[in-house]
Protein backbone atom coordinates (compact mmCIF):
# COMPACT_ATOMS: atom_id res chain seq x y z
CA MET A 1 -103.26 -103.10 46.84
CA LEU A 2 -105.24 -102.46 49.48
CA ASN A 3 -108.97 -104.32 48.38
CA GLU A 4 -107.65 -107.92 48.20
CA LEU A 5 -111.22 -108.69 47.29
CA THR A 6 -110.49 -107.29 44.23
CA GLU A 7 -107.41 -108.17 43.88
CA LEU A 8 -108.64 -112.22 44.05
CA GLU A 9 -111.48 -111.29 41.35
CA ALA A 10 -108.47 -110.19 39.15
CA TYR A 11 -106.45 -113.59 39.47
CA THR A 12 -109.77 -115.52 38.54
CA THR A 13 -111.61 -113.34 36.15
CA PHE A 14 -110.34 -113.04 32.61
CA PRO A 15 -109.69 -109.24 31.48
CA ALA A 16 -110.72 -107.76 28.30
CA TYR A 17 -108.07 -108.63 25.66
CA THR A 18 -107.66 -105.34 24.19
CA ALA A 19 -105.76 -102.44 23.70
CA ALA A 20 -105.99 -98.45 23.31
CA GLY A 21 -102.54 -98.34 21.80
CA LYS A 22 -98.77 -100.00 21.83
CA ARG A 23 -98.16 -98.78 25.52
CA ASP A 24 -101.67 -100.05 26.94
CA THR A 25 -101.03 -103.19 28.15
CA ALA A 26 -104.31 -104.05 30.04
CA TYR A 27 -104.72 -107.35 28.36
CA LEU A 28 -101.81 -108.51 30.75
CA GLY A 29 -104.50 -108.15 33.45
CA ARG A 30 -102.98 -107.87 37.16
CA PHE A 31 -99.80 -109.40 35.39
CA THR A 32 -96.54 -107.87 33.95
CA PHE A 33 -94.61 -109.55 31.20
CA ASP A 34 -91.82 -109.67 33.80
CA MET A 35 -94.11 -111.72 36.44
CA ILE A 36 -95.19 -114.06 33.80
CA MET A 37 -91.90 -114.69 32.38
CA ASP A 38 -89.86 -115.14 35.31
CA PHE A 39 -92.39 -116.35 37.90
CA ILE A 40 -91.60 -113.27 40.33
CA GLY A 41 -94.60 -111.72 42.51
CA PHE A 42 -96.14 -115.17 42.45
CA HIS A 43 -95.71 -115.44 46.47
CA ARG A 44 -98.27 -112.72 47.00
CA VAL A 45 -100.85 -113.94 43.75
CA LEU A 46 -101.16 -117.67 45.44
CA THR A 47 -101.29 -116.25 48.77
CA ILE A 48 -104.09 -114.31 47.88
CA LEU A 49 -105.62 -117.30 45.96
CA ALA A 50 -105.24 -119.99 48.58
CA ARG A 51 -106.98 -116.93 51.50
CA GLY A 52 -109.52 -116.39 49.14
CA TYR A 53 -110.43 -120.24 49.00
CA MET A 54 -109.53 -121.55 52.66
CA PHE A 55 -111.83 -119.22 54.75
CA ASP A 56 -115.61 -120.21 53.44
CA ALA A 57 -116.54 -122.46 56.12
CA LYS A 58 -115.85 -121.64 60.12
CA GLU A 59 -112.90 -123.14 60.14
CA PRO A 60 -109.68 -123.12 57.81
CA ASP A 61 -110.00 -125.43 55.06
CA ILE A 62 -106.42 -125.84 54.31
CA ASP A 63 -106.81 -128.98 52.05
CA ARG A 64 -109.57 -126.77 50.01
CA ALA A 65 -107.23 -124.08 49.58
CA ARG A 66 -104.36 -126.24 48.18
CA ARG A 67 -106.39 -128.10 45.56
CA ALA A 68 -107.33 -124.45 44.59
CA LEU A 69 -104.01 -123.58 44.03
CA CYS A 70 -103.79 -126.89 42.03
CA ALA A 71 -106.45 -125.83 39.94
CA TRP A 72 -105.01 -122.59 39.38
CA CYS A 73 -101.89 -123.67 38.45
CA SER A 74 -103.00 -126.83 36.19
CA LEU A 75 -101.33 -127.17 32.57
CA PRO A 76 -103.27 -129.93 30.20
CA GLU A 77 -101.46 -133.19 29.86
CA THR A 78 -98.68 -133.34 27.06
CA LYS A 79 -99.27 -135.81 24.37
CA LYS A 80 -96.56 -137.71 25.02
CA ALA A 81 -96.50 -137.80 28.64
CA ALA A 82 -95.73 -141.21 30.37
CA GLN A 83 -97.97 -142.44 32.83
CA LYS A 84 -96.78 -141.13 36.18
CA ALA A 85 -95.50 -143.25 38.99
CA ALA A 86 -97.15 -142.84 42.23
CA TRP A 87 -94.25 -140.48 43.68
CA GLN A 88 -94.35 -138.14 41.00
CA TYR A 89 -95.98 -135.26 41.27
CA GLU A 90 -99.30 -134.21 39.01
CA THR A 91 -99.60 -130.92 36.96
CA THR A 92 -102.78 -131.83 35.32
CA PHE A 93 -105.76 -131.14 37.59
CA GLY A 94 -108.74 -131.29 35.36
CA TYR A 95 -110.41 -133.46 37.83
CA LEU A 96 -111.30 -130.63 40.20
CA SER A 97 -113.36 -128.77 37.54
CA ASP A 98 -116.29 -129.86 39.11
CA GLU A 99 -115.44 -128.20 42.57
CA PHE A 100 -113.30 -125.14 40.95
CA PRO A 101 -115.02 -124.52 37.57
CA SER A 102 -113.53 -120.76 37.03
CA LEU A 103 -109.70 -122.11 37.95
CA VAL A 104 -109.84 -124.79 35.92
CA ASP A 105 -111.51 -126.82 32.99
CA ALA A 106 -111.97 -130.29 32.43
CA ASP A 107 -108.61 -130.59 29.58
CA GLY A 108 -106.61 -129.33 32.85
CA ARG A 109 -106.27 -125.60 31.55
CA GLY A 110 -105.89 -123.92 34.36
CA TRP A 111 -107.05 -120.33 35.23
CA PHE A 112 -103.47 -119.01 34.53
CA TYR A 113 -102.29 -121.15 31.90
CA ARG A 114 -105.18 -120.11 29.75
CA HIS A 115 -104.59 -116.44 30.86
CA VAL A 116 -100.98 -116.61 29.35
CA HIS A 117 -102.04 -118.48 26.25
CA ASN A 118 -104.77 -115.94 25.77
CA VAL A 119 -102.20 -112.83 25.95
CA ILE A 120 -99.83 -114.58 23.66
CA ALA A 121 -102.65 -115.04 21.16
CA PHE A 122 -103.99 -111.60 21.38
CA VAL A 123 -100.22 -110.18 20.89
CA LYS A 124 -99.69 -112.49 18.17
CA ALA A 125 -103.21 -111.18 16.27
CA HIS A 126 -102.95 -107.60 17.02
CA PRO A 127 -99.10 -106.14 15.64
CA GLU A 128 -100.73 -102.79 15.51
CA LEU A 129 -101.80 -102.56 19.17
CA THR A 130 -98.75 -103.90 20.68
CA SER A 131 -95.06 -103.44 21.04
CA LYS A 132 -91.91 -104.84 19.36
CA SER A 133 -90.98 -105.96 22.69
CA ALA A 134 -94.62 -107.60 23.68
CA GLN A 135 -94.35 -109.32 20.61
CA ASN A 136 -90.47 -110.75 21.41
CA LYS A 137 -91.92 -111.66 24.68
CA ALA A 138 -95.33 -113.22 23.65
CA GLU A 139 -93.40 -115.50 20.79
CA SER A 140 -90.58 -116.31 23.95
CA LEU A 141 -93.34 -117.73 26.15
CA LYS A 142 -94.99 -119.31 23.08
CA LYS A 143 -92.04 -121.67 22.99
CA GLY A 144 -90.82 -122.03 26.51
CA PHE A 145 -94.03 -121.24 28.93
CA ASP A 146 -95.35 -124.54 29.05
CA THR A 147 -92.06 -126.57 30.12
CA ALA A 148 -90.86 -123.58 32.16
CA TRP A 149 -94.59 -123.45 34.12
CA ARG A 150 -95.02 -127.38 34.44
CA LYS A 151 -91.46 -127.51 36.01
CA LYS A 152 -92.46 -124.97 38.43
CA LEU A 153 -95.23 -126.18 39.50
CA ILE A 154 -93.82 -129.56 40.15
CA GLN A 155 -91.46 -127.35 42.35
CA LEU A 156 -94.24 -125.56 44.07
CA GLN A 157 -96.01 -128.92 45.32
CA ILE A 158 -92.51 -130.37 46.98
CA PRO A 159 -92.43 -130.56 50.85
CA ILE A 160 -89.91 -127.90 52.53
CA PHE A 161 -88.17 -130.90 53.92
CA HIS A 162 -88.27 -133.29 51.10
CA PRO A 163 -84.77 -134.57 49.85
CA ALA A 164 -85.51 -133.09 46.52
CA THR A 165 -85.75 -129.72 47.94
CA GLU A 166 -83.37 -127.36 46.96
CA GLY A 167 -82.68 -123.89 48.58
CA ALA A 168 -82.89 -121.79 45.33
CA TRP A 169 -86.57 -122.63 45.39
CA THR A 170 -88.32 -119.89 47.62
CA LEU A 171 -91.71 -120.67 46.88
CA ARG A 172 -93.65 -123.47 47.76
CA PHE A 173 -97.49 -124.19 48.44
CA ASP A 174 -96.56 -125.32 52.03
CA ASP A 175 -95.37 -121.60 52.42
CA VAL A 176 -98.03 -120.19 50.71
CA LEU A 177 -100.61 -122.24 52.94
CA ALA A 178 -98.76 -121.22 56.14
CA ASP A 179 -99.09 -117.60 55.36
CA ALA A 180 -102.38 -117.35 54.25
CA LEU A 181 -103.27 -119.17 57.30
CA GLU A 182 -101.84 -116.12 59.59
CA LEU A 183 -103.38 -113.75 57.80
CA GLY A 184 -106.65 -114.52 57.49
CA PRO A 185 -109.68 -114.18 55.17
CA LEU A 186 -109.40 -111.54 52.41
CA GLN A 187 -110.17 -107.85 53.62
CA ASN A 188 -110.96 -104.60 51.95
CA ARG A 189 -108.08 -102.55 53.67
CA ASP A 190 -108.33 -99.60 51.65
CA PHE A 191 -109.49 -96.22 53.54
CA ASP A 192 -109.08 -92.25 53.22
CA LEU A 193 -105.81 -90.57 54.20
CA PRO A 194 -106.35 -87.51 56.46
CA GLU A 195 -106.55 -83.92 54.74
CA ASP A 196 -103.67 -82.56 56.11
CA LEU A 197 -101.23 -86.12 55.26
CA LYS A 198 -102.74 -85.81 51.47
CA ALA A 199 -101.71 -82.33 51.35
CA LYS A 200 -98.37 -83.22 53.03
CA LEU A 201 -97.62 -85.72 49.65
CA ARG A 202 -98.78 -83.11 47.53
CA ALA A 203 -96.08 -80.54 48.35
CA HIS A 204 -93.48 -83.87 48.71
CA THR A 205 -94.64 -85.93 45.60
CA PRO A 206 -91.87 -85.05 42.69
CA PRO A 207 -94.04 -83.64 39.53
CA GLU A 208 -92.85 -86.82 37.64
CA ILE A 209 -94.72 -89.52 40.12
CA PRO A 210 -98.41 -89.57 40.05
CA LEU A 211 -99.81 -88.51 43.34
CA ASN A 212 -101.78 -91.85 43.43
CA VAL A 213 -98.35 -93.85 43.79
CA THR A 214 -97.53 -92.06 46.97
CA GLU A 215 -100.75 -91.87 48.15
CA THR A 216 -101.01 -95.32 47.59
CA LEU A 217 -97.66 -96.32 49.49
CA VAL A 218 -98.74 -94.48 52.58
CA LYS A 219 -101.86 -96.46 52.82
CA TYR A 220 -100.06 -100.00 52.24
CA TYR A 221 -97.75 -98.83 54.56
CA ILE A 222 -100.42 -97.87 57.52
CA ALA A 223 -102.60 -100.88 56.99
CA ASN A 224 -99.22 -103.16 56.65
CA LYS A 225 -97.13 -102.24 59.22
CA PRO A 226 -96.68 -105.39 61.90
CA GLU A 227 -96.63 -104.21 65.79
CA ASP A 228 -92.97 -105.26 66.13
CA SER A 229 -91.19 -103.36 63.12
CA ASP A 230 -91.04 -100.65 61.28
CA TRP A 231 -90.64 -102.13 58.01
CA VAL A 232 -93.06 -103.39 55.62
CA VAL A 233 -93.02 -105.83 52.86
CA LEU A 234 -93.14 -104.42 49.56
CA PRO A 235 -94.17 -106.46 46.59
CA VAL A 236 -92.62 -104.26 44.08
CA ALA A 237 -93.54 -106.53 41.01
CA ASN A 238 -97.17 -106.53 42.29
CA PHE A 239 -97.18 -103.23 42.48
CA ASN A 240 -95.79 -102.60 38.84
CA ALA A 241 -98.81 -105.02 37.75
CA TYR A 242 -101.31 -102.93 40.09
CA PHE A 243 -100.37 -99.78 38.26
CA GLY A 244 -100.08 -101.49 34.91
CA SER A 245 -96.94 -100.07 34.36
CA THR A 246 -93.07 -101.15 35.26
CA MET A 247 -92.40 -96.93 35.55
CA PHE A 248 -93.30 -97.80 39.22
CA ASP A 249 -89.98 -99.97 39.63
CA ARG A 250 -88.05 -98.48 37.32
CA LYS A 251 -88.87 -94.67 37.30
CA TRP A 252 -90.87 -93.47 40.57
CA LEU A 253 -89.45 -95.64 43.05
CA PRO A 254 -85.96 -93.91 42.91
CA LYS A 255 -87.37 -91.00 42.72
CA LEU A 256 -89.71 -90.87 46.10
CA PRO A 257 -88.64 -88.15 48.59
CA ASN A 258 -86.35 -89.47 50.80
CA ASP A 259 -87.30 -87.41 53.57
CA MET A 260 -90.57 -89.56 53.64
CA PHE A 261 -89.55 -92.94 52.11
CA VAL A 262 -86.47 -95.14 52.92
CA ARG A 263 -85.67 -98.30 51.00
CA GLU A 264 -84.00 -101.43 51.14
CA LYS A 265 -82.83 -102.97 47.73
CA GLN A 266 -85.01 -105.24 46.40
CA SER A 267 -84.74 -109.12 45.31
CA ASN A 268 -87.04 -111.19 43.23
CA GLY A 269 -89.66 -108.37 43.07
CA VAL A 270 -89.54 -107.62 46.62
CA GLY A 271 -88.05 -105.23 48.93
CA ARG A 272 -88.85 -103.30 52.23
CA TYR A 273 -89.89 -99.62 52.99
CA ILE A 274 -90.41 -97.20 55.72
CA VAL A 275 -92.47 -94.10 55.82
CA LEU A 276 -91.33 -91.28 58.00
CA ASN A 277 -93.33 -88.63 59.56
CA ILE A 278 -96.95 -89.88 59.27
C-alpha cells in the first residue's frame, strides 16, 4: 500500500494461479472476491493505473491515461452485439492493444477481464484447493460478471454533468483522472518507523492482530496525512487485498487499540482514521 510502483505491477501482471490450500487466495492477486463481485475499492485501483500511464512524458498526458483505463477495463464484443450508434459508449478496446499490449489483447480482452476469468477457471478446476465459498462465488461470476462489468464500464465513461449521470454512480474516469493529476507520479513511499514507535506498537497491538498490520497502518497514515486535516482516507477494501485476507476488515480493524487509532464508520470499502500519539 506504500509502494505504489509495486501496486501498479500487481494490477498489470497476472499472479500465479495456484494455492497451497483452501485458505490460500493468492490466486486472486491484489483483489478479493468482494472487490470483484461488488466493484468496491476500484477508485484506488484505477487511480494507480491512471497515474502509472499519465506521467511518462515531461507533461502529464491525460488522454493517454484515459486510453490506458479503457484498455485495462475492456471486454470482448458480444457475438450478438449490434453496431453502436455514434453516441453510445464503447466497451471493447482491442484497437488499443498495440499501444498497451499488457493491458488489452487484439480481441478486446482487457487485463481485468482476463484476470477474473483466470480466477474462475482456476477455482472451477481445483475444488481440492479452494473453499466452498470461493467455488460458489466463482460460479456466480461465471454467470454474471461480463454483463455487470460491461454496464460498469459504460458508467465509468459517462461525464459528470451528462444528463444520463446518476447520483449513485460514485466512480467515473473523469474523477479518477482528476485525482491522478493532483496526486502526481507513482512513488515508493515506504520507510522504516523509529525504534521507539515500533516498541510502542508492539506494546499496544493486541496479540490477535499481526504486528505488521498496525505498523503498516501507522506508516500509511504518516505518508498520506494532509496538511489541513488529521483524518486520512482508509481504503479498507484495498487493504484487505494487500493483506490477502478479509480478516483485516472483519477481525483486525474492530480490535485496534482505541488509545492509538480512531476510525469513522466505513462505506463502500472506504473509511477515515486518525493515529494518535505518534
